[in-house]
Amino acid sequence: MRIMGEVVSQAVLDIVCDICKRTTKKDENFEYSVLSASWGYGSKNDGDEWEFHFCEYCSLQFLEHINTVKKMYG
């Protein structure tokens, strides 16, 4: 016996860069990086969880900035 019914599902339609607001979709795939943070007990952001999505260009710019800051602090 076949039992039929309606199935409702969700799919990711787009992932937008949190810096430049451009799509990260390339053809049928998404090309992006994710930066996430989970703040622990006692921090100013105790219990907060953050997640940011960056396109490839903004990811490389962000990495360049991190490397510059690292050089400043030795």
N, C-alpha and C. Protein backbone atom coordinates (compact mmCIF):
# COMPACT_ATOMS: atom_id res chain seq x y z
N MET A 1 0.84 -1.16 0.00
CA MET A 1 0.00 0.00 0.00
C MET A 1 0.89 1.24 0.00
N ARG A 2 0.56 2.17 -0.84
CA ARG A 2 1.31 3.42 -0.92
C ARG A 2 0.48 4.50 -0.22
N ILE A 3 1.12 5.18 0.72
CA ILE A 3 0.44 6.28 1.42
C ILE A 3 1.08 7.56 0.95
N MET A 4 0.28 8.44 0.42
CA MET A 4 0.76 9.69 -0.17
C MET A 4 0.44 10.85 0.77
N GLY A 5 1.34 11.83 0.75
CA GLY A 5 1.11 13.03 1.53
C GLY A 5 2.01 14.15 1.06
N GLU A 6 1.67 15.33 1.45
CA GLU A 6 2.46 16.49 1.07
C GLU A 6 3.68 16.60 1.99
N VAL A 7 4.83 16.89 1.39
CA VAL A 7 6.06 17.05 2.14
C VAL A 7 6.54 18.50 1.97
N VAL A 8 6.77 19.16 3.09
CA VAL A 8 7.27 20.53 3.05
C VAL A 8 8.73 20.50 3.48
N SER A 9 9.59 21.10 2.66
CA SER A 9 11.00 21.13 3.02
C SER A 9 11.57 22.52 2.78
N GLN A 10 12.70 22.78 3.36
CA GLN A 10 13.39 24.04 3.17
C GLN A 10 14.74 23.78 2.53
N ALA A 11 15.17 24.73 1.73
CA ALA A 11 16.47 24.62 1.08
C ALA A 11 17.14 25.99 1.15
N VAL A 12 18.45 25.97 1.19
CA VAL A 12 19.21 27.22 1.17
C VAL A 12 19.14 27.80 -0.23
N LEU A 13 18.59 29.00 -0.35
CA LEU A 13 18.46 29.64 -1.65
C LEU A 13 19.66 30.50 -1.98
N ASP A 14 20.26 31.10 -0.95
CA ASP A 14 21.42 31.96 -1.15
C ASP A 14 22.15 32.12 0.16
N ILE A 15 23.43 32.38 0.08
CA ILE A 15 24.26 32.78 1.23
C ILE A 15 24.92 34.07 0.81
N VAL A 16 24.63 35.13 1.56
CA VAL A 16 25.08 36.47 1.22
C VAL A 16 26.24 36.85 2.13
N CYS A 17 27.26 37.46 1.57
CA CYS A 17 28.42 37.91 2.34
C CYS A 17 27.99 38.96 3.35
N ASP A 18 28.40 38.80 4.60
CA ASP A 18 28.04 39.74 5.66
C ASP A 18 28.80 41.06 5.56
N ILE A 19 29.81 41.12 4.72
CA ILE A 19 30.56 42.38 4.55
C ILE A 19 30.04 43.15 3.34
N CYS A 20 30.12 42.56 2.16
CA CYS A 20 29.77 43.29 0.92
C CYS A 20 28.33 43.06 0.47
N LYS A 21 27.65 42.12 1.10
CA LYS A 21 26.24 41.81 0.80
C LYS A 21 26.01 41.18 -0.57
N ARG A 22 27.07 40.67 -1.21
CA ARG A 22 26.92 40.00 -2.50
C ARG A 22 26.68 38.51 -2.29
N THR A 23 26.06 37.89 -3.27
CA THR A 23 25.82 36.45 -3.21
C THR A 23 27.14 35.69 -3.23
N THR A 24 27.15 34.53 -2.62
CA THR A 24 28.32 33.65 -2.68
C THR A 24 28.06 32.48 -3.62
N LYS A 25 26.92 32.51 -4.32
CA LYS A 25 26.55 31.42 -5.21
C LYS A 25 27.32 31.50 -6.52
N LYS A 26 27.97 30.41 -6.87
CA LYS A 26 28.69 30.25 -8.13
C LYS A 26 28.15 29.00 -8.81
N ASP A 27 27.49 29.20 -9.93
CA ASP A 27 26.82 28.10 -10.63
C ASP A 27 25.81 27.44 -9.67
N GLU A 28 26.00 26.19 -9.35
CA GLU A 28 25.08 25.48 -8.45
C GLU A 28 25.62 25.38 -7.01
N ASN A 29 26.82 25.93 -6.77
CA ASN A 29 27.46 25.81 -5.46
C ASN A 29 27.60 27.16 -4.79
N PHE A 30 27.90 27.11 -3.51
CA PHE A 30 28.20 28.32 -2.75
C PHE A 30 29.69 28.30 -2.41
N GLU A 31 30.35 29.45 -2.56
CA GLU A 31 31.77 29.58 -2.22
C GLU A 31 31.89 30.67 -1.17
N TYR A 32 32.13 30.26 0.07
CA TYR A 32 32.17 31.20 1.17
C TYR A 32 32.98 30.63 2.33
N SER A 33 33.35 31.50 3.25
CA SER A 33 33.98 31.06 4.48
C SER A 33 33.07 31.46 5.64
N VAL A 34 33.27 30.82 6.78
CA VAL A 34 32.46 31.09 7.96
C VAL A 34 33.38 31.41 9.12
N LEU A 35 33.06 32.47 9.83
CA LEU A 35 33.75 32.82 11.08
C LEU A 35 32.70 32.72 12.17
N SER A 36 32.99 31.93 13.19
CA SER A 36 32.02 31.78 14.27
C SER A 36 32.70 31.98 15.62
N ALA A 37 31.89 32.37 16.59
CA ALA A 37 32.39 32.58 17.94
C ALA A 37 31.34 32.10 18.93
N SER A 38 31.78 31.41 19.96
CA SER A 38 30.92 31.02 21.07
C SER A 38 31.56 31.56 22.33
N TRP A 39 30.89 32.52 22.95
CA TRP A 39 31.47 33.20 24.10
C TRP A 39 31.16 32.43 25.37
N GLY A 40 32.19 32.27 26.20
CA GLY A 40 32.08 31.47 27.40
C GLY A 40 31.68 32.25 28.64
N TYR A 41 31.55 31.50 29.70
CA TYR A 41 31.15 32.03 30.99
C TYR A 41 32.10 33.12 31.45
N GLY A 42 31.54 34.22 31.90
CA GLY A 42 32.34 35.30 32.45
C GLY A 42 32.75 36.36 31.43
N SER A 43 32.57 36.10 30.15
CA SER A 43 32.93 37.11 29.15
C SER A 43 31.81 38.15 29.06
N LYS A 44 32.11 39.28 28.46
CA LYS A 44 31.09 40.32 28.28
C LYS A 44 29.94 39.84 27.39
N ASN A 45 30.23 38.85 26.57
CA ASN A 45 29.22 38.31 25.65
C ASN A 45 28.79 36.90 26.05
N ASP A 46 28.82 36.63 27.35
CA ASP A 46 28.52 35.31 27.90
C ASP A 46 27.27 34.69 27.25
N GLY A 47 27.46 33.52 26.67
CA GLY A 47 26.36 32.78 26.07
C GLY A 47 26.03 33.16 24.63
N ASP A 48 26.61 34.24 24.14
CA ASP A 48 26.35 34.66 22.76
C ASP A 48 27.06 33.74 21.78
N GLU A 49 26.44 33.54 20.65
CA GLU A 49 27.07 32.81 19.55
C GLU A 49 26.93 33.65 18.30
N TRP A 50 28.03 33.84 17.60
CA TRP A 50 28.06 34.66 16.39
C TRP A 50 28.47 33.79 15.22
N GLU A 51 27.92 34.12 14.04
CA GLU A 51 28.33 33.44 12.82
C GLU A 51 28.28 34.44 11.67
N PHE A 52 29.39 34.53 10.94
CA PHE A 52 29.50 35.45 9.81
C PHE A 52 29.89 34.66 8.57
N HIS A 53 29.32 35.04 7.44
CA HIS A 53 29.62 34.40 6.16
C HIS A 53 30.30 35.43 5.26
N PHE A 54 31.42 35.04 4.65
CA PHE A 54 32.19 35.95 3.80
C PHE A 54 32.36 35.34 2.41
N CYS A 55 32.23 36.17 1.37
CA CYS A 55 32.56 35.73 0.02
C CYS A 55 34.07 35.52 -0.07
N GLU A 56 34.53 34.96 -1.15
CA GLU A 56 35.96 34.68 -1.29
C GLU A 56 36.80 35.95 -1.24
N TYR A 57 36.35 37.00 -1.94
CA TYR A 57 37.11 38.25 -1.96
C TYR A 57 37.22 38.84 -0.55
N CYS A 58 36.11 38.95 0.16
CA CYS A 58 36.13 39.53 1.51
C CYS A 58 36.91 38.64 2.48
N SER A 59 36.87 37.32 2.28
CA SER A 59 37.65 36.40 3.12
C SER A 59 39.13 36.69 2.98
N LEU A 60 39.58 36.89 1.74
CA LEU A 60 41.00 37.17 1.51
C LEU A 60 41.40 38.53 2.07
N GLN A 61 40.52 39.52 1.97
CA GLN A 61 40.79 40.84 2.55
C GLN A 61 40.85 40.75 4.07
N PHE A 62 39.96 39.98 4.66
CA PHE A 62 39.94 39.79 6.11
C PHE A 62 41.21 39.09 6.58
N LEU A 63 41.64 38.07 5.85
CA LEU A 63 42.87 37.35 6.18
C LEU A 63 44.07 38.29 6.10
N GLU A 64 44.11 39.13 5.09
CA GLU A 64 45.19 40.10 4.94
C GLU A 64 45.22 41.04 6.14
N HIS A 65 44.05 41.48 6.58
CA HIS A 65 43.96 42.36 7.75
C HIS A 65 44.47 41.65 9.01
N ILE A 66 44.07 40.40 9.20
CA ILE A 66 44.53 39.63 10.37
C ILE A 66 46.04 39.50 10.36
N ASN A 67 46.62 39.20 9.21
CA ASN A 67 48.07 39.06 9.11
C ASN A 67 48.78 40.38 9.41
N THR A 68 48.19 41.49 9.00
CA THR A 68 48.77 42.82 9.30
C THR A 68 48.75 43.07 10.80
N VAL A 69 47.64 42.77 11.44
CA VAL A 69 47.52 42.96 12.90
C VAL A 69 48.48 42.05 13.63
N LYS A 70 48.63 40.79 13.18
CA LYS A 70 49.57 39.87 13.81
C LYS A 70 50.99 40.40 13.77
N LYS A 71 51.38 41.04 12.65
CA LYS A 71 52.72 41.61 12.52
C LYS A 71 52.91 42.76 13.51
N MET A 72 51.86 43.51 13.77
CA MET A 72 51.94 44.64 14.71
C MET A 72 52.24 44.15 16.13
N TYR A 73 51.71 42.97 16.48
CA TYR A 73 51.87 42.46 17.84
C TYR A 73 53.01 41.45 17.95
N GLY A 74 53.70 41.23 16.84
CA GLY A 74 54.88 40.36 16.89
C GLY A 74 54.55 38.96 16.79
